[in-house]
Amino acid sequence: MLLYPSQDDLLKKIDSKYSLVILAAKRAKQLHNESGTEMLEEYKSVKNVGKSLEEIISEDLVIDPNSVKNQ
């Protein structure tokens, strides 16, 4: 169960659940593989997925608009 950050708050930052999951998963994998890549000084979560969601809610982690194609 996702308590912080809430799903509603995250969807205000990233407009698609699919995009949110992909972004968080890629960032969590990066956090797992590369130590010292944290964007925030302090995290509430100890797990990488939680950390990546905290980065999204703080707007330190965003989707690159050049990588998204409008169809």
C-alpha atoms as a PDB file:
ATOM      1  CA  MET A   1       0.000   0.000   0.000  1.00  0.00           C
ATOM      2  CA  LEU A   2       1.340   3.381  -0.997  1.00  0.00           C
ATOM      3  CA  LEU A   3       1.077   5.865   1.866  1.00  0.00           C
ATOM      4  CA  TYR A   4       3.629   8.534   1.006  1.00  0.00           C
ATOM      5  CA  PRO A   5       3.627  10.032  -1.489  1.00  0.00           C
ATOM      6  CA  SER A   6      -0.006   9.428  -2.316  1.00  0.00           C
ATOM      7  CA  GLN A   7      -1.025   8.186  -5.727  1.00  0.00           C
ATOM      8  CA  ASP A   8      -3.245  11.237  -6.265  1.00  0.00           C
ATOM      9  CA  ASP A   9      -0.363  13.619  -5.575  1.00  0.00           C
ATOM     10  CA  LEU A  10       1.935  11.661  -7.888  1.00  0.00           C
ATOM     11  CA  LEU A  11      -0.619  11.759 -10.702  1.00  0.00           C
ATOM     12  CA  LYS A  12      -0.663  15.551 -10.424  1.00  0.00           C
ATOM     13  CA  LYS A  13       3.051  15.500 -11.322  1.00  0.00           C
ATOM     14  CA  ILE A  14       2.955  12.720 -13.950  1.00  0.00           C
ATOM     15  CA  ASP A  15      -0.323  12.545 -15.858  1.00  0.00           C
ATOM     16  CA  SER A  16      -0.241   8.830 -16.708  1.00  0.00           C
ATOM     17  CA  LYS A  17      -0.104   5.852 -14.345  1.00  0.00           C
ATOM     18  CA  TYR A  18       1.888   3.952 -16.960  1.00  0.00           C
ATOM     19  CA  SER A  19       4.469   6.729 -17.275  1.00  0.00           C
ATOM     20  CA  LEU A  20       4.671   7.038 -13.506  1.00  0.00           C
ATOM     21  CA  VAL A  21       5.397   3.326 -13.062  1.00  0.00           C
ATOM     22  CA  ILE A  22       7.998   3.247 -15.839  1.00  0.00           C
ATOM     23  CA  LEU A  23       9.792   6.353 -14.540  1.00  0.00           C
ATOM     24  CA  ALA A  24       9.820   5.097 -10.944  1.00  0.00           C
ATOM     25  CA  ALA A  25      11.020   1.629 -11.967  1.00  0.00           C
ATOM     26  CA  LYS A  26      13.858   2.970 -14.117  1.00  0.00           C
ATOM     27  CA  ARG A  27      14.984   5.324 -11.373  1.00  0.00           C
ATOM     28  CA  ALA A  28      14.767   2.584  -8.723  1.00  0.00           C
ATOM     29  CA  LYS A  29      16.962   0.369 -10.894  1.00  0.00           C
ATOM     30  CA  GLN A  30      19.462   3.210 -11.254  1.00  0.00           C
ATOM     31  CA  LEU A  31      19.498   3.761  -7.485  1.00  0.00           C
ATOM     32  CA  HIS A  32      20.099   0.040  -6.968  1.00  0.00           C
ATOM     33  CA  ASN A  33      22.967  -0.184  -9.474  1.00  0.00           C
ATOM     34  CA  GLU A  34      24.722   3.136  -8.882  1.00  0.00           C
ATOM     35  CA  SER A  35      25.454   4.157  -5.307  1.00  0.00           C
ATOM     36  CA  GLY A  36      25.661   7.851  -4.542  1.00  0.00           C
ATOM     37  CA  THR A  37      23.080   8.947  -7.128  1.00  0.00           C
ATOM     38  CA  GLU A  38      20.512  10.151  -4.593  1.00  0.00           C
ATOM     39  CA  MET A  39      18.850  13.464  -5.506  1.00  0.00           C
ATOM     40  CA  LEU A  40      17.426  14.310  -2.081  1.00  0.00           C
ATOM     41  CA  GLU A  41      19.293  14.901   1.160  1.00  0.00           C
ATOM     42  CA  GLU A  42      16.857  12.800   3.197  1.00  0.00           C
ATOM     43  CA  TYR A  43      14.308  10.120   2.299  1.00  0.00           C
ATOM     44  CA  LYS A  44      11.383   8.742   4.287  1.00  0.00           C
ATOM     45  CA  SER A  45      11.612   5.414   2.460  1.00  0.00           C
ATOM     46  CA  VAL A  46      14.485   2.961   2.685  1.00  0.00           C
ATOM     47  CA  LYS A  47      13.493   1.138  -0.508  1.00  0.00           C
ATOM     48  CA  ASN A  48      14.549   2.353  -3.935  1.00  0.00           C
ATOM     49  CA  VAL A  49      11.032   2.493  -5.401  1.00  0.00           C
ATOM     50  CA  GLY A  50       9.889   4.653  -2.497  1.00  0.00           C
ATOM     51  CA  LYS A  51      12.925   6.886  -2.939  1.00  0.00           C
ATOM     52  CA  SER A  52      12.186   7.316  -6.638  1.00  0.00           C
ATOM     53  CA  LEU A  53       8.565   8.255  -5.879  1.00  0.00           C
ATOM     54  CA  GLU A  54       9.779  10.821  -3.346  1.00  0.00           C
ATOM     55  CA  GLU A  55      12.025  12.299  -6.038  1.00  0.00           C
ATOM     56  CA  ILE A  56       9.048  12.546  -8.393  1.00  0.00           C
ATOM     57  CA  ILE A  57       6.838  14.280  -5.822  1.00  0.00           C
ATOM     58  CA  SER A  58       9.619  16.772  -5.034  1.00  0.00           C
ATOM     59  CA  GLU A  59       9.915  17.465  -8.791  1.00  0.00           C
ATOM     60  CA  ASP A  60      13.603  16.558  -8.827  1.00  0.00           C
ATOM     61  CA  LEU A  61      12.783  13.658 -11.141  1.00  0.00           C
ATOM     62  CA  VAL A  62      10.683  14.465 -14.207  1.00  0.00           C
ATOM     63  CA  ILE A  63      10.022  12.987 -17.627  1.00  0.00           C
ATOM     64  CA  ASP A  64      12.154  14.471 -20.382  1.00  0.00           C
ATOM     65  CA  PRO A  65       9.635  16.200 -22.690  1.00  0.00           C
ATOM     66  CA  ASN A  66      11.887  15.524 -25.698  1.00  0.00           C
ATOM     67  CA  SER A  67      11.559  11.766 -25.159  1.00  0.00           C
ATOM     68  CA  VAL A  68       7.754  11.833 -25.326  1.00  0.00           C
ATOM     69  CA  LYS A  69       6.228  11.741 -28.777  1.00  0.00           C
ATOM     70  CA  ASN A  70       2.762  13.214 -29.327  1.00  0.00           C
ATOM     71  CA  GLN A  71       0.558  10.942 -31.366  1.00  0.00           C
END
